Protein backbone atom coordinates (compact mmCIF):
# COMPACT_ATOMS: atom_id res chain seq x y z
CA UNK A 1 -3.05 4.48 32.28
CA UNK A 2 -0.79 5.98 29.65
CA UNK A 3 -0.35 4.91 26.08
CA UNK A 4 3.31 4.58 25.13
CA UNK A 5 4.27 5.08 21.48
CA UNK A 6 7.74 3.97 20.37
CA UNK A 7 9.32 4.29 16.95
CA UNK A 8 12.42 2.23 16.15
CA UNK A 9 15.18 2.79 13.58
CA UNK A 10 13.12 1.02 10.92
CA UNK A 11 10.26 3.52 11.45
CA UNK A 12 8.07 0.80 13.05
CA UNK A 13 5.72 2.07 15.73
CA UNK A 14 4.84 0.02 18.80
CA UNK A 15 2.00 0.94 21.16
CA UNK A 16 2.06 -0.21 24.80
CA UNK A 17 -0.02 0.48 27.88
CA UNK A 18 1.70 1.79 30.99
CA UNK A 19 0.20 1.27 34.44
CA UNK A 20 2.38 3.02 37.02
CA UNK A 21 5.50 2.33 34.91
CA UNK A 22 4.48 -1.31 34.33
CA UNK A 23 4.39 -1.60 30.55
CA UNK A 24 2.21 -4.18 28.81
CA UNK A 25 1.19 -4.92 25.24
CA UNK A 26 -1.68 -2.76 24.07
CA UNK A 27 -5.05 -4.46 24.51
CA UNK A 28 -8.03 -2.48 23.29
CA UNK A 29 -10.46 -3.95 25.84
CA UNK A 30 -8.10 -3.05 28.69
CA UNK A 31 -8.07 0.55 27.47
CA UNK A 32 -11.88 0.59 27.43
CA UNK A 33 -12.01 -0.79 30.99
CA UNK A 34 -9.63 1.93 32.18
CA UNK A 35 -11.71 4.60 30.43
CA UNK A 36 -14.89 3.37 32.11
CA UNK A 37 -13.22 3.17 35.53
CA UNK A 38 -11.07 6.32 35.43
CA UNK A 39 -12.83 8.46 32.85
CA UNK A 40 -9.71 9.34 30.89
CA UNK A 41 -6.24 8.40 29.69
CA UNK A 42 -3.15 10.17 30.99
CA UNK A 43 -0.95 12.14 28.59
CA UNK A 44 0.78 9.75 26.19
CA UNK A 45 4.49 8.93 26.25
CA UNK A 46 6.18 9.28 22.86
CA UNK A 47 9.67 7.84 22.36
CA UNK A 48 11.70 7.86 19.19
CA UNK A 49 12.01 10.04 16.12
CA UNK A 50 8.38 11.13 15.64
CA UNK A 51 7.59 14.07 13.36
CA UNK A 52 5.73 17.09 14.71
CA UNK A 53 2.68 15.97 12.73
CA UNK A 54 2.82 12.48 14.23
CA UNK A 55 3.11 14.00 17.72
CA UNK A 56 0.10 16.24 17.06
CA UNK A 57 -1.86 13.27 15.74
CA UNK A 58 -1.10 11.13 18.81
CA UNK A 59 -1.99 13.94 21.21
CA UNK A 60 -5.18 14.76 19.28
CA UNK A 61 -6.22 11.09 19.35
CA UNK A 62 -5.81 10.86 23.14
CA UNK A 63 -7.62 14.18 23.62
CA UNK A 64 -10.52 13.01 21.44
CA UNK A 65 -10.74 9.69 23.30
CA UNK A 66 -10.87 11.59 26.59
CA UNK A 67 -13.46 14.05 25.25
CA UNK A 68 -15.80 11.34 23.97
CA UNK A 69 -15.36 9.34 27.18
CA UNK A 70 -16.24 12.37 29.30
CA UNK A 71 -19.30 13.16 27.18
CA UNK A 72 -20.46 9.55 27.29
CA UNK A 73 -20.01 9.25 31.05
CA UNK A 74 -21.82 12.57 31.63
CA UNK A 75 -24.67 11.57 29.33
CA UNK A 76 -25.13 8.25 31.12
CA UNK A 77 -24.99 9.76 34.63
CA UNK A 78 -28.32 9.36 36.34
CA UNK A 79 -29.56 6.69 33.95
CA UNK A 80 -29.90 3.00 34.58
CA UNK A 81 -28.12 2.23 31.33
CA UNK A 82 -24.83 0.36 31.82
CA UNK A 83 -21.80 1.83 30.10
CA UNK A 84 -20.11 -0.45 27.63
CA UNK A 85 -20.33 -4.15 27.13
CA UNK A 86 -21.13 -5.98 30.42
CA UNK A 87 -18.88 -8.81 29.27
CA UNK A 88 -15.74 -6.63 29.44
């Protein structure tokens, strides 16, 4: 899954989720499910007039999400503890 960030002419930012080019509204719980199943997010897609700082911020956020996910999955490997909320 990729996160897609779009900025329009009014400087409004929209975040979507892309599954093999099928774009959907961003749903936090769906992102968590993907992280648990796949272990990471793909590189984000950024469309529109984003500043260099905004681009760095988006990329850093995805990298940090992937880092924490990897650490959490590694720490839970070999334990009987379920990862995440079983209701997801």
